[in-house]
Amino acid sequence: MDLTHLGHLVEAIDYLETKMDLPLLYNFNLKFSKPVLEKLHYLHSMLFNLRSLVALDYNAHSLDPAHEACKVDSITDYLSKAEYVANDALLYYHFKKQKDHMKPEAFETMMRSFRNYSHNGLCLIENLPKTFLNSMKTEELEETLYIAQMDWLLGTDAGLLFRVREELYGLVDGYEKVFWPDANGRPFQEQSHLSVNCQIDLDTLYPTSSVA
């Protein structure tokens, strides 16, 4: 299985994002057909488990696995600072409500700062329905904004495509650059060579149901 051709899929995903004129991040509206969605699930499963095998092999050769081990997590690998994003989103939400009480130039200056320094929090608020946010009690908002990120990542088509792209970034640029920056500078690539041999036949791909 030659994975080098999957690098072109990154370009395709970026092209889709450009054509939509909306980022995949916290996009709750993107919908794919069932066959496409099924293939994306298969692809993500393969890429995620491939990276898990690489981590397992790498950790087996680490002198101090407790401190040097590469970790694999289905959430924090893609949203590493969801709590901070929730806090930024909450701040941006309350800031927007003050628009009518601020001078236009001051508001625009603050908006630029949010775009530059709290982009993810801004993106989260802008993609959630206003009715949904307004229905929340103030004390519930922070937890709700955190959970909304999990719902997007694990429960939407855009979240799945985002995870696929992150895995492809790691495959193309190196896992140590995308997922394991602490491994940078150590002989990650040269420490071991991983070879996986398996056989897949038509019965594996398309199992026949035993139910009459």
N, C-alpha and C. Protein backbone atom coordinates (compact mmCIF):
# COMPACT_ATOMS: atom_id res chain seq x y z
N MET A 1 0.86 -1.20 0.00
CA MET A 1 0.00 0.00 0.00
C MET A 1 0.89 1.24 0.00
N ASP A 2 0.84 2.00 -1.07
CA ASP A 2 1.67 3.20 -1.19
C ASP A 2 0.88 4.41 -0.68
N LEU A 3 1.32 4.95 0.44
CA LEU A 3 0.60 6.05 1.07
C LEU A 3 1.01 7.43 0.54
N THR A 4 2.03 7.47 -0.31
CA THR A 4 2.51 8.77 -0.76
C THR A 4 1.46 9.53 -1.55
N HIS A 5 0.60 8.80 -2.26
CA HIS A 5 -0.42 9.46 -3.06
C HIS A 5 -1.48 10.17 -2.21
N LEU A 6 -1.58 9.79 -0.94
CA LEU A 6 -2.56 10.42 -0.07
C LEU A 6 -2.21 11.89 0.19
N GLY A 7 -0.97 12.27 -0.08
CA GLY A 7 -0.59 13.67 0.09
C GLY A 7 -1.42 14.59 -0.77
N HIS A 8 -1.88 14.09 -1.92
CA HIS A 8 -2.70 14.91 -2.82
C HIS A 8 -4.08 15.20 -2.21
N LEU A 9 -4.49 14.35 -1.29
CA LEU A 9 -5.79 14.56 -0.65
C LEU A 9 -5.78 15.82 0.20
N VAL A 10 -4.63 16.17 0.75
CA VAL A 10 -4.52 17.41 1.52
C VAL A 10 -4.86 18.61 0.63
N GLU A 11 -4.33 18.59 -0.58
CA GLU A 11 -4.61 19.67 -1.53
C GLU A 11 -6.10 19.72 -1.85
N ALA A 12 -6.72 18.55 -1.99
CA ALA A 12 -8.16 18.50 -2.30
C ALA A 12 -8.99 19.06 -1.15
N ILE A 13 -8.60 18.72 0.08
CA ILE A 13 -9.34 19.22 1.25
C ILE A 13 -9.17 20.73 1.37
N ASP A 14 -7.95 21.20 1.16
CA ASP A 14 -7.70 22.65 1.20
C ASP A 14 -8.50 23.36 0.12
N TYR A 15 -8.60 22.74 -1.06
CA TYR A 15 -9.36 23.33 -2.17
C TYR A 15 -10.84 23.42 -1.80
N LEU A 16 -11.37 22.37 -1.18
CA LEU A 16 -12.77 22.38 -0.73
C LEU A 16 -13.00 23.49 0.28
N GLU A 17 -12.09 23.65 1.21
CA GLU A 17 -12.20 24.69 2.23
C GLU A 17 -12.20 26.08 1.60
N THR A 18 -11.35 26.26 0.58
CA THR A 18 -11.28 27.54 -0.13
C THR A 18 -12.56 27.83 -0.88
N LYS A 19 -13.10 26.79 -1.55
CA LYS A 19 -14.34 26.97 -2.32
C LYS A 19 -15.53 27.28 -1.42
N MET A 20 -15.54 26.68 -0.24
CA MET A 20 -16.63 26.95 0.71
C MET A 20 -16.50 28.34 1.31
N ASP A 21 -15.28 28.88 1.31
CA ASP A 21 -14.98 30.16 1.94
C ASP A 21 -15.30 30.11 3.43
N LEU A 22 -15.17 28.93 3.99
CA LEU A 22 -15.38 28.72 5.42
C LEU A 22 -14.37 27.68 5.90
N PRO A 23 -13.81 27.86 7.08
CA PRO A 23 -12.88 26.85 7.58
C PRO A 23 -13.61 25.58 8.01
N LEU A 24 -12.93 24.46 7.99
CA LEU A 24 -13.51 23.23 8.51
C LEU A 24 -13.71 23.33 10.02
N LEU A 25 -12.86 24.10 10.67
CA LEU A 25 -12.89 24.22 12.12
C LEU A 25 -14.25 24.72 12.60
N TYR A 26 -14.91 23.91 13.43
CA TYR A 26 -16.21 24.23 14.02
C TYR A 26 -17.29 24.49 12.97
N ASN A 27 -17.16 23.83 11.83
CA ASN A 27 -18.19 23.91 10.79
C ASN A 27 -19.20 22.79 11.07
N PHE A 28 -20.42 23.17 11.41
CA PHE A 28 -21.45 22.20 11.75
C PHE A 28 -22.39 21.91 10.58
N ASN A 29 -22.18 22.56 9.46
CA ASN A 29 -23.14 22.48 8.35
C ASN A 29 -22.68 21.61 7.19
N LEU A 30 -21.40 21.30 7.10
CA LEU A 30 -20.90 20.51 5.98
C LEU A 30 -21.47 19.10 6.04
N LYS A 31 -22.01 18.62 4.89
CA LYS A 31 -22.59 17.29 4.83
C LYS A 31 -22.09 16.55 3.60
N PHE A 32 -21.70 15.30 3.80
CA PHE A 32 -21.29 14.43 2.70
C PHE A 32 -22.33 13.34 2.51
N SER A 33 -22.29 12.72 1.34
CA SER A 33 -23.16 11.58 1.09
C SER A 33 -22.70 10.41 1.95
N LYS A 34 -23.58 9.45 2.16
CA LYS A 34 -23.25 8.30 3.00
C LYS A 34 -22.05 7.52 2.49
N PRO A 35 -21.93 7.24 1.16
CA PRO A 35 -20.74 6.51 0.68
C PRO A 35 -19.43 7.26 0.93
N VAL A 36 -19.44 8.58 0.72
CA VAL A 36 -18.23 9.37 0.96
C VAL A 36 -17.88 9.36 2.45
N LEU A 37 -18.89 9.52 3.27
CA LEU A 37 -18.67 9.54 4.73
C LEU A 37 -18.10 8.20 5.21
N GLU A 38 -18.60 7.13 4.65
CA GLU A 38 -18.11 5.79 5.02
C GLU A 38 -16.64 5.63 4.67
N LYS A 39 -16.26 6.10 3.47
CA LYS A 39 -14.86 6.01 3.05
C LYS A 39 -13.96 6.86 3.92
N LEU A 40 -14.46 8.03 4.34
CA LEU A 40 -13.66 8.89 5.21
C LEU A 40 -13.44 8.24 6.58
N HIS A 41 -14.46 7.54 7.07
CA HIS A 41 -14.31 6.82 8.34
C HIS A 41 -13.26 5.72 8.20
N TYR A 42 -13.30 4.99 7.10
CA TYR A 42 -12.30 3.94 6.88
C TYR A 42 -10.90 4.54 6.80
N LEU A 43 -10.79 5.65 6.07
CA LEU A 43 -9.49 6.29 5.89
C LEU A 43 -8.93 6.79 7.21
N HIS A 44 -9.79 7.43 7.99
CA HIS A 44 -9.32 7.94 9.28
C HIS A 44 -8.91 6.80 10.20
N SER A 45 -9.69 5.73 10.20
CA SER A 45 -9.37 4.59 11.05
C SER A 45 -8.00 4.01 10.68
N MET A 46 -7.75 3.90 9.39
CA MET A 46 -6.47 3.37 8.94
C MET A 46 -5.33 4.29 9.36
N LEU A 47 -5.47 5.59 9.13
CA LEU A 47 -4.40 6.54 9.44
C LEU A 47 -4.16 6.64 10.94
N PHE A 48 -5.23 6.67 11.72
CA PHE A 48 -5.09 6.78 13.17
C PHE A 48 -4.40 5.54 13.74
N ASN A 49 -4.80 4.36 13.27
CA ASN A 49 -4.21 3.13 13.78
C ASN A 49 -2.78 2.94 13.26
N LEU A 50 -2.49 3.46 12.08
CA LEU A 50 -1.12 3.43 11.58
C LEU A 50 -0.21 4.25 12.50
N ARG A 51 -0.68 5.43 12.87
CA ARG A 51 0.11 6.28 13.78
C ARG A 51 0.24 5.62 15.15
N SER A 52 -0.80 4.92 15.58
CA SER A 52 -0.72 4.20 16.86
C SER A 52 0.35 3.12 16.81
N LEU A 53 0.45 2.42 15.68
CA LEU A 53 1.48 1.39 15.52
C LEU A 53 2.89 2.01 15.55
N VAL A 54 3.03 3.16 14.90
CA VAL A 54 4.33 3.85 14.89
C VAL A 54 4.70 4.25 16.32
N ALA A 55 3.72 4.78 17.07
CA ALA A 55 3.97 5.17 18.46
C ALA A 55 4.35 3.96 19.30
N LEU A 56 3.64 2.85 19.09
CA LEU A 56 3.92 1.63 19.84
C LEU A 56 5.33 1.15 19.57
N ASP A 57 5.72 1.17 18.32
CA ASP A 57 7.07 0.73 17.95
C ASP A 57 8.13 1.68 18.50
N TYR A 58 7.86 2.97 18.41
CA TYR A 58 8.82 3.97 18.91
C TYR A 58 9.00 3.84 20.42
N ASN A 59 7.88 3.69 21.14
CA ASN A 59 7.95 3.59 22.59
C ASN A 59 8.69 2.34 23.05
N ALA A 60 8.61 1.28 22.25
CA ALA A 60 9.28 0.04 22.61
C ALA A 60 10.79 0.20 22.60
N HIS A 61 11.28 1.22 21.89
CA HIS A 61 12.72 1.46 21.79
C HIS A 61 13.17 2.66 22.62
N SER A 62 12.27 3.21 23.42
CA SER A 62 12.62 4.36 24.26
C SER A 62 13.26 3.88 25.55
N LEU A 63 14.29 4.57 26.00
CA LEU A 63 14.98 4.19 27.23
C LEU A 63 14.13 4.48 28.46
N ASP A 64 13.34 5.55 28.40
CA ASP A 64 12.51 5.94 29.53
C ASP A 64 11.09 6.21 29.04
N PRO A 65 10.29 5.17 28.82
CA PRO A 65 8.93 5.34 28.26
C PRO A 65 8.05 6.28 29.08
N ALA A 66 8.29 6.35 30.39
CA ALA A 66 7.45 7.20 31.25
C ALA A 66 7.56 8.67 30.86
N HIS A 67 8.74 9.08 30.35
CA HIS A 67 8.95 10.49 30.02
C HIS A 67 9.12 10.72 28.52
N GLU A 68 9.52 9.71 27.79
CA GLU A 68 9.82 9.89 26.38
C GLU A 68 8.76 9.30 25.44
N ALA A 69 7.78 8.62 26.01
CA ALA A 69 6.79 7.92 25.17
C ALA A 69 5.94 8.89 24.37
N CYS A 70 5.63 8.50 23.14
CA CYS A 70 4.71 9.25 22.30
C CYS A 70 3.29 8.78 22.60
N LYS A 71 2.41 9.71 22.85
CA LYS A 71 1.04 9.36 23.23
C LYS A 71 0.09 9.56 22.05
N VAL A 72 -0.97 8.78 22.04
CA VAL A 72 -2.00 8.88 20.99
C VAL A 72 -3.34 9.08 21.68
N ASP A 73 -4.04 10.14 21.31
CA ASP A 73 -5.33 10.44 21.92
C ASP A 73 -6.29 10.91 20.83
N SER A 74 -7.51 10.38 20.85
CA SER A 74 -8.47 10.65 19.78
C SER A 74 -9.08 12.04 19.85
N ILE A 75 -8.82 12.78 20.93
CA ILE A 75 -9.36 14.14 21.06
C ILE A 75 -8.24 15.18 21.12
N THR A 76 -7.35 15.05 22.11
CA THR A 76 -6.34 16.08 22.29
C THR A 76 -5.32 16.12 21.16
N ASP A 77 -5.21 15.06 20.38
CA ASP A 77 -4.31 15.10 19.21
C ASP A 77 -4.79 16.12 18.19
N TYR A 78 -6.09 16.39 18.18
CA TYR A 78 -6.66 17.32 17.20
C TYR A 78 -7.07 18.65 17.84
N LEU A 79 -7.55 18.60 19.07
CA LEU A 79 -7.90 19.82 19.82
C LEU A 79 -7.12 19.79 21.13
N SER A 80 -5.92 20.30 21.08
CA SER A 80 -5.03 20.16 22.23
C SER A 80 -5.36 21.11 23.38
N LYS A 81 -6.07 22.19 23.09
CA LYS A 81 -6.33 23.19 24.13
C LYS A 81 -7.80 23.60 24.13
N ALA A 82 -8.68 22.61 24.17
CA ALA A 82 -10.11 22.88 24.09
C ALA A 82 -10.60 23.74 25.25
N GLU A 83 -10.00 23.58 26.43
CA GLU A 83 -10.41 24.39 27.58
C GLU A 83 -10.09 25.86 27.35
N TYR A 84 -8.90 26.13 26.80
CA TYR A 84 -8.51 27.51 26.53
C TYR A 84 -9.39 28.12 25.44
N VAL A 85 -9.73 27.32 24.43
CA VAL A 85 -10.60 27.81 23.36
C VAL A 85 -11.97 28.16 23.92
N ALA A 86 -12.47 27.34 24.84
CA ALA A 86 -13.77 27.63 25.47
C ALA A 86 -13.72 28.95 26.23
N ASN A 87 -12.62 29.21 26.92
CA ASN A 87 -12.46 30.47 27.66
C ASN A 87 -12.38 31.65 26.70
N ASP A 88 -11.61 31.49 25.61
CA ASP A 88 -11.51 32.56 24.61
C ASP A 88 -12.87 32.83 23.96
N ALA A 89 -13.60 31.75 23.67
CA ALA A 89 -14.92 31.89 23.05
C ALA A 89 -15.89 32.62 23.98
N LEU A 90 -15.82 32.29 25.25
CA LEU A 90 -16.68 32.95 26.24
C LEU A 90 -16.37 34.44 26.31
N LEU A 91 -15.09 34.78 26.30
CA LEU A 91 -14.68 36.18 26.33
C LEU A 91 -15.16 36.91 25.08
N TYR A 92 -15.01 36.27 23.93
CA TYR A 92 -15.44 36.88 22.67
C TYR A 92 -16.96 37.04 22.65
N TYR A 93 -17.68 36.08 23.17
CA TYR A 93 -19.15 36.15 23.21
C TYR A 93 -19.62 37.36 24.01
N HIS A 94 -19.01 37.56 25.17
CA HIS A 94 -19.40 38.71 26.00
C HIS A 94 -18.94 40.02 25.36
N PHE A 95 -17.80 40.00 24.69
CA PHE A 95 -17.32 41.19 23.99
C PHE A 95 -18.30 41.62 22.89
N LYS A 96 -18.79 40.67 22.12
CA LYS A 96 -19.71 41.00 21.03
C LYS A 96 -20.99 41.65 21.55
N LYS A 97 -21.41 41.26 22.73
CA LYS A 97 -22.63 41.82 23.30
C LYS A 97 -22.46 43.28 23.70
N GLN A 98 -21.21 43.74 23.74
CA GLN A 98 -20.95 45.14 24.12
C GLN A 98 -20.79 46.06 22.90
N LYS A 99 -21.04 45.54 21.72
CA LYS A 99 -20.81 46.31 20.50
C LYS A 99 -21.54 47.65 20.50
N ASP A 100 -22.78 47.65 20.91
CA ASP A 100 -23.58 48.89 20.89
C ASP A 100 -23.11 49.90 21.93
N HIS A 101 -22.27 49.48 22.84
CA HIS A 101 -21.79 50.38 23.89
C HIS A 101 -20.36 50.83 23.65
N MET A 102 -19.83 50.49 22.48
CA MET A 102 -18.43 50.83 22.17
C MET A 102 -18.36 51.72 20.93
N LYS A 103 -17.31 52.52 20.87
CA LYS A 103 -17.06 53.29 19.67
C LYS A 103 -16.66 52.34 18.55
N PRO A 104 -17.11 52.58 17.31
CA PRO A 104 -16.82 51.67 16.19
C PRO A 104 -15.34 51.37 16.00
N GLU A 105 -14.50 52.40 16.13
CA GLU A 105 -13.07 52.17 15.93
C GLU A 105 -12.47 51.28 17.03
N ALA A 106 -12.98 51.45 18.25
CA ALA A 106 -12.51 50.62 19.37
C ALA A 106 -12.96 49.17 19.17
N PHE A 107 -14.19 49.02 18.70
CA PHE A 107 -14.71 47.67 18.46
C PHE A 107 -13.90 46.96 17.38
N GLU A 108 -13.60 47.66 16.29
CA GLU A 108 -12.84 47.07 15.19
C GLU A 108 -11.42 46.69 15.62
N THR A 109 -10.83 47.53 16.46
CA THR A 109 -9.49 47.22 16.97
C THR A 109 -9.50 45.95 17.80
N MET A 110 -10.52 45.81 18.64
CA MET A 110 -10.64 44.61 19.45
C MET A 110 -10.93 43.38 18.59
N MET A 111 -11.74 43.58 17.55
CA MET A 111 -12.05 42.47 16.64
C MET A 111 -10.80 41.94 15.97
N ARG A 112 -9.92 42.83 15.55
CA ARG A 112 -8.67 42.41 14.93
C ARG A 112 -7.82 41.60 15.91
N SER A 113 -7.85 42.03 17.16
CA SER A 113 -7.08 41.30 18.17
C SER A 113 -7.64 39.90 18.37
N PHE A 114 -8.97 39.78 18.40
CA PHE A 114 -9.57 38.45 18.54
C PHE A 114 -9.24 37.57 17.34
N ARG A 115 -9.28 38.15 16.14
CA ARG A 115 -8.96 37.36 14.93
C ARG A 115 -7.52 36.88 14.95
N ASN A 116 -6.63 37.71 15.46
CA ASN A 116 -5.21 37.38 15.44
C ASN A 116 -4.78 36.46 16.58
N TYR A 117 -5.38 36.66 17.76
CA TYR A 117 -4.88 35.96 18.94
C TYR A 117 -5.87 34.94 19.52
N SER A 118 -7.14 35.02 19.15
CA SER A 118 -8.14 34.08 19.68
C SER A 118 -9.02 33.58 18.55
N HIS A 119 -8.36 33.22 17.45
CA HIS A 119 -9.10 32.85 16.23
C HIS A 119 -10.04 31.67 16.47
N ASN A 120 -9.57 30.65 17.17
CA ASN A 120 -10.40 29.47 17.38
C ASN A 120 -11.64 29.78 18.21
N GLY A 121 -11.47 30.59 19.25
CA GLY A 121 -12.61 30.97 20.07
C GLY A 121 -13.62 31.77 19.28
N LEU A 122 -13.12 32.69 18.47
CA LEU A 122 -14.00 33.50 17.61
C LEU A 122 -14.74 32.60 16.63
N CYS A 123 -14.02 31.66 16.03
CA CYS A 123 -14.60 30.76 15.04
C CYS A 123 -15.70 29.91 15.65
N LEU A 124 -15.49 29.46 16.88
CA LEU A 124 -16.49 28.63 17.56
C LEU A 124 -17.78 29.40 17.77
N ILE A 125 -17.69 30.63 18.27
CA ILE A 125 -18.88 31.44 18.52
C ILE A 125 -19.61 31.77 17.22
N GLU A 126 -18.86 32.11 16.18
CA GLU A 126 -19.47 32.51 14.92
C GLU A 126 -20.20 31.35 14.23
N ASN A 127 -19.82 30.13 14.57
CA ASN A 127 -20.43 28.98 13.91
C ASN A 127 -21.57 28.35 14.70
N LEU A 128 -21.78 28.81 15.93
CA LEU A 128 -22.89 28.30 16.73
C LEU A 128 -24.12 29.20 16.54
N PRO A 129 -25.31 28.62 16.44
CA PRO A 129 -26.53 29.44 16.26
C PRO A 129 -26.71 30.39 17.44
N LYS A 130 -27.11 31.62 17.13
CA LYS A 130 -27.32 32.61 18.19
C LYS A 130 -28.41 32.16 19.16
N THR A 131 -29.43 31.50 18.62
CA THR A 131 -30.52 31.03 19.49
C THR A 131 -30.01 30.01 20.49
N PHE A 132 -29.06 29.19 20.06
CA PHE A 132 -28.48 28.18 20.95
C PHE A 132 -27.70 28.86 22.07
N LEU A 133 -26.89 29.85 21.71
CA LEU A 133 -26.09 30.54 22.72
C LEU A 133 -26.96 31.35 23.68
N ASN A 134 -27.97 32.01 23.13
CA ASN A 134 -28.83 32.84 23.97
C ASN A 134 -29.69 32.02 24.93
N SER A 135 -29.89 30.75 24.59
CA SER A 135 -30.71 29.90 25.46
C SER A 135 -29.93 29.37 26.65
N MET A 136 -28.60 29.54 26.61
CA MET A 136 -27.75 29.04 27.68
C MET A 136 -27.66 30.03 28.84
N LYS A 137 -27.66 29.50 30.05
CA LYS A 137 -27.40 30.34 31.22
C LYS A 137 -25.91 30.67 31.26
N THR A 138 -25.59 31.82 31.82
CA THR A 138 -24.20 32.28 31.85
C THR A 138 -23.28 31.26 32.50
N GLU A 139 -23.74 30.64 33.59
CA GLU A 139 -22.89 29.68 34.30
C GLU A 139 -22.73 28.37 33.53
N GLU A 140 -23.56 28.15 32.51
CA GLU A 140 -23.48 26.92 31.72
C GLU A 140 -22.63 27.09 30.47
N LEU A 141 -22.34 28.34 30.10
CA LEU A 141 -21.73 28.61 28.80
C LEU A 141 -20.35 27.99 28.64
N GLU A 142 -19.51 28.10 29.64
CA GLU A 142 -18.14 27.60 29.49
C GLU A 142 -18.12 26.10 29.22
N GLU A 143 -18.88 25.35 30.01
CA GLU A 143 -18.94 23.90 29.80
C GLU A 143 -19.59 23.57 28.47
N THR A 144 -20.62 24.33 28.10
CA THR A 144 -21.31 24.11 26.83
C THR A 144 -20.37 24.33 25.65
N LEU A 145 -19.55 25.37 25.73
CA LEU A 145 -18.62 25.67 24.64
C LEU A 145 -17.53 24.60 24.54
N TYR A 146 -17.18 24.00 25.66
CA TYR A 146 -16.21 22.90 25.63
C TYR A 146 -16.83 21.67 24.98
N ILE A 147 -18.05 21.33 25.40
CA ILE A 147 -18.74 20.15 24.86
C ILE A 147 -19.04 20.32 23.37
N ALA A 148 -19.35 21.55 22.96
CA ALA A 148 -19.64 21.81 21.55
C ALA A 148 -18.44 21.47 20.67
N GLN A 149 -17.24 21.71 21.19
CA GLN A 149 -16.04 21.36 20.42
C GLN A 149 -15.91 19.85 20.25
N MET A 150 -16.24 19.10 21.30
CA MET A 150 -16.19 17.64 21.21
C MET A 150 -17.25 17.13 20.24
N ASP A 151 -18.43 17.74 20.31
CA ASP A 151 -19.52 17.34 19.40
C ASP A 151 -19.12 17.59 17.95
N TRP A 152 -18.45 18.72 17.72
CA TRP A 152 -18.02 19.02 16.34
C TRP A 152 -16.95 18.02 15.89
N LEU A 153 -15.96 17.79 16.73
CA LEU A 153 -14.83 16.95 16.34
C LEU A 153 -15.26 15.51 16.06
N LEU A 154 -16.10 14.96 16.93
CA LEU A 154 -16.44 13.54 16.85
C LEU A 154 -17.79 13.25 16.21
N GLY A 155 -18.58 14.30 15.98
CA GLY A 155 -19.94 14.04 15.52
C GLY A 155 -20.35 14.74 14.24
N THR A 156 -19.42 15.43 13.57
CA THR A 156 -19.80 16.13 12.33
C THR A 156 -18.91 15.67 11.18
N ASP A 157 -19.42 15.88 9.96
CA ASP A 157 -18.65 15.53 8.76
C ASP A 157 -17.39 16.37 8.66
N ALA A 158 -17.50 17.65 8.99
CA ALA A 158 -16.34 18.54 8.93
C ALA A 158 -15.29 18.12 9.96
N GLY A 159 -15.74 17.70 11.14
CA GLY A 159 -14.81 17.25 12.16
C GLY A 159 -14.04 16.02 11.72
N LEU A 160 -14.73 15.10 11.04
CA LEU A 160 -14.08 13.90 10.53
C LEU A 160 -13.05 14.26 9.46
N LEU A 161 -13.43 15.15 8.54
CA LEU A 161 -12.51 15.56 7.49
C LEU A 161 -11.31 16.30 8.08
N PHE A 162 -11.54 17.09 9.11
CA PHE A 162 -10.46 17.79 9.82
C PHE A 162 -9.47 16.79 10.41
N ARG A 163 -9.99 15.72 11.04
CA ARG A 163 -9.12 14.71 11.63
C ARG A 163 -8.32 13.98 10.56
N VAL A 164 -8.97 13.69 9.43
CA VAL A 164 -8.26 13.04 8.33
C VAL A 164 -7.12 13.92 7.84
N ARG A 165 -7.39 15.22 7.70
CA ARG A 165 -6.35 16.13 7.23
C ARG A 165 -5.19 16.23 8.21
N GLU A 166 -5.49 16.26 9.49
CA GLU A 166 -4.42 16.31 10.49
C GLU A 166 -3.54 15.06 10.41
N GLU A 167 -4.17 13.91 10.24
CA GLU A 167 -3.40 12.67 10.11
C GLU A 167 -2.54 12.71 8.85
N LEU A 168 -3.08 13.27 7.78
CA LEU A 168 -2.31 13.37 6.54
C LEU A 168 -1.16 14.35 6.68
N TYR A 169 -1.37 15.44 7.41
CA TYR A 169 -0.27 16.36 7.69
C TYR A 169 0.86 15.62 8.38
N GLY A 170 0.51 14.80 9.37
CA GLY A 170 1.51 14.03 10.08
C GLY A 170 2.22 13.04 9.19
N LEU A 171 1.46 12.40 8.32
CA LEU A 171 2.03 11.41 7.40
C LEU A 171 3.01 12.06 6.44
N VAL A 172 2.66 13.25 5.94
CA VAL A 172 3.48 13.94 4.94
C VAL A 172 4.66 14.67 5.58
N ASP A 173 4.40 15.42 6.64
CA ASP A 173 5.43 16.29 7.23
C ASP A 173 6.22 15.62 8.36
N GLY A 174 5.69 14.53 8.88
CA GLY A 174 6.36 13.86 9.99
C GLY A 174 5.52 13.95 11.25
N TYR A 175 5.28 12.82 11.89
CA TYR A 175 4.46 12.81 13.10
C TYR A 175 5.06 13.67 14.20
N GLU A 176 6.40 13.72 14.26
CA GLU A 176 7.04 14.49 15.33
C GLU A 176 6.79 15.98 15.19
N LYS A 177 6.47 16.43 13.99
CA LYS A 177 6.20 17.86 13.78
C LYS A 177 4.75 18.21 14.07
N VAL A 178 3.84 17.28 13.82
CA VAL A 178 2.41 17.57 13.96
C VAL A 178 1.86 17.10 15.31
N PHE A 179 2.24 15.89 15.73
CA PHE A 179 1.64 15.30 16.93
C PHE A 179 2.61 15.18 18.11
N TRP A 180 3.90 14.99 17.82
CA TRP A 180 4.85 14.72 18.90
C TRP A 180 6.04 15.67 18.84
N PRO A 181 5.82 16.94 19.08
CA PRO A 181 6.94 17.91 19.01
C PRO A 181 8.04 17.61 20.02
N ASP A 182 7.71 16.95 21.12
CA ASP A 182 8.72 16.62 22.12
C ASP A 182 9.71 15.59 21.59
N ALA A 183 9.34 14.88 20.54
CA ALA A 183 10.24 13.89 19.95
C ALA A 183 11.20 14.53 18.96
N ASN A 184 10.97 15.80 18.64
CA ASN A 184 11.82 16.49 17.67
C ASN A 184 13.24 16.59 18.20
N GLY A 185 14.20 16.29 17.34
CA GLY A 185 15.59 16.35 17.76
C GLY A 185 16.15 15.00 18.15
N ARG A 186 15.29 14.02 18.41
CA ARG A 186 15.74 12.67 18.71
C ARG A 186 15.67 11.83 17.44
N PRO A 187 16.39 10.74 17.38
CA PRO A 187 16.44 9.94 16.15
C PRO A 187 15.14 9.18 15.92
N PHE A 188 14.07 9.93 15.65
CA PHE A 188 12.75 9.33 15.50
C PHE A 188 12.67 8.42 14.29
N GLN A 189 13.09 8.94 13.13
CA GLN A 189 12.96 8.18 11.90
C GLN A 189 13.97 7.03 11.84
N GLU A 190 15.15 7.21 12.43
CA GLU A 190 16.20 6.24 12.26
C GLU A 190 16.24 5.20 13.37
N GLN A 191 15.42 5.42 14.39
CA GLN A 191 15.51 4.53 15.54
C GLN A 191 15.04 3.12 15.21
N SER A 192 14.06 3.00 14.37
CA SER A 192 13.55 1.69 14.00
C SER A 192 12.82 1.78 12.68
N HIS A 193 12.62 0.65 12.09
CA HIS A 193 11.89 0.59 10.82
C HIS A 193 10.70 -0.33 11.02
N LEU A 194 9.52 0.21 10.79
CA LEU A 194 8.29 -0.54 11.04
C LEU A 194 7.76 -1.10 9.73
N SER A 195 7.50 -2.39 9.72
CA SER A 195 6.92 -3.04 8.54
C SER A 195 5.67 -3.78 8.97
N VAL A 196 4.58 -3.53 8.29
CA VAL A 196 3.31 -4.18 8.61
C VAL A 196 2.87 -5.00 7.41
N ASN A 197 2.66 -6.29 7.63
CA ASN A 197 2.20 -7.17 6.57
C ASN A 197 0.82 -7.71 6.91
N CYS A 198 -0.11 -7.57 6.00
CA CYS A 198 -1.44 -8.09 6.23
C CYS A 198 -2.06 -8.48 4.90
N GLN A 199 -3.10 -9.28 4.97
CA GLN A 199 -3.78 -9.72 3.77
C GLN A 199 -5.26 -9.39 3.90
N ILE A 200 -5.80 -8.76 2.89
CA ILE A 200 -7.21 -8.38 2.89
C ILE A 200 -7.86 -8.98 1.64
N ASP A 201 -8.89 -9.77 1.82
CA ASP A 201 -9.59 -10.34 0.67
C ASP A 201 -11.00 -9.75 0.59
N LEU A 202 -11.74 -10.16 -0.41
CA LEU A 202 -13.07 -9.60 -0.63
C LEU A 202 -14.02 -9.92 0.52
N ASP A 203 -13.86 -11.09 1.14
CA ASP A 203 -14.72 -11.44 2.27
C ASP A 203 -14.49 -10.53 3.46
N THR A 204 -13.25 -10.05 3.60
CA THR A 204 -12.94 -9.12 4.68
C THR A 204 -13.56 -7.75 4.41
N LEU A 205 -13.45 -7.31 3.16
CA LEU A 205 -13.98 -6.00 2.81
C LEU A 205 -15.50 -5.98 2.77
N TYR A 206 -16.07 -7.05 2.24
CA TYR A 206 -17.53 -7.10 2.06
C TYR A 206 -18.06 -8.39 2.68
N PRO A 207 -18.13 -8.45 4.00
CA PRO A 207 -18.60 -9.67 4.66
C PRO A 207 -20.07 -9.94 4.34
N THR A 208 -20.38 -11.20 4.11
CA THR A 208 -21.76 -11.58 3.82
C THR A 208 -22.48 -11.82 5.13
N SER A 209 -23.71 -11.38 5.20
CA SER A 209 -24.47 -11.52 6.43
C SER A 209 -24.88 -12.98 6.63
N SER A 210 -24.80 -13.45 7.88
CA SER A 210 -25.21 -14.81 8.19
C SER A 210 -26.70 -14.93 8.44
N VAL A 211 -27.36 -13.76 8.50
CA VAL A 211 -28.80 -13.75 8.75
C VAL A 211 -29.53 -13.90 7.43
N ALA A 212 -30.43 -14.83 7.36
CA ALA A 212 -31.16 -15.08 6.11
C ALA A 212 -32.15 -13.98 5.85
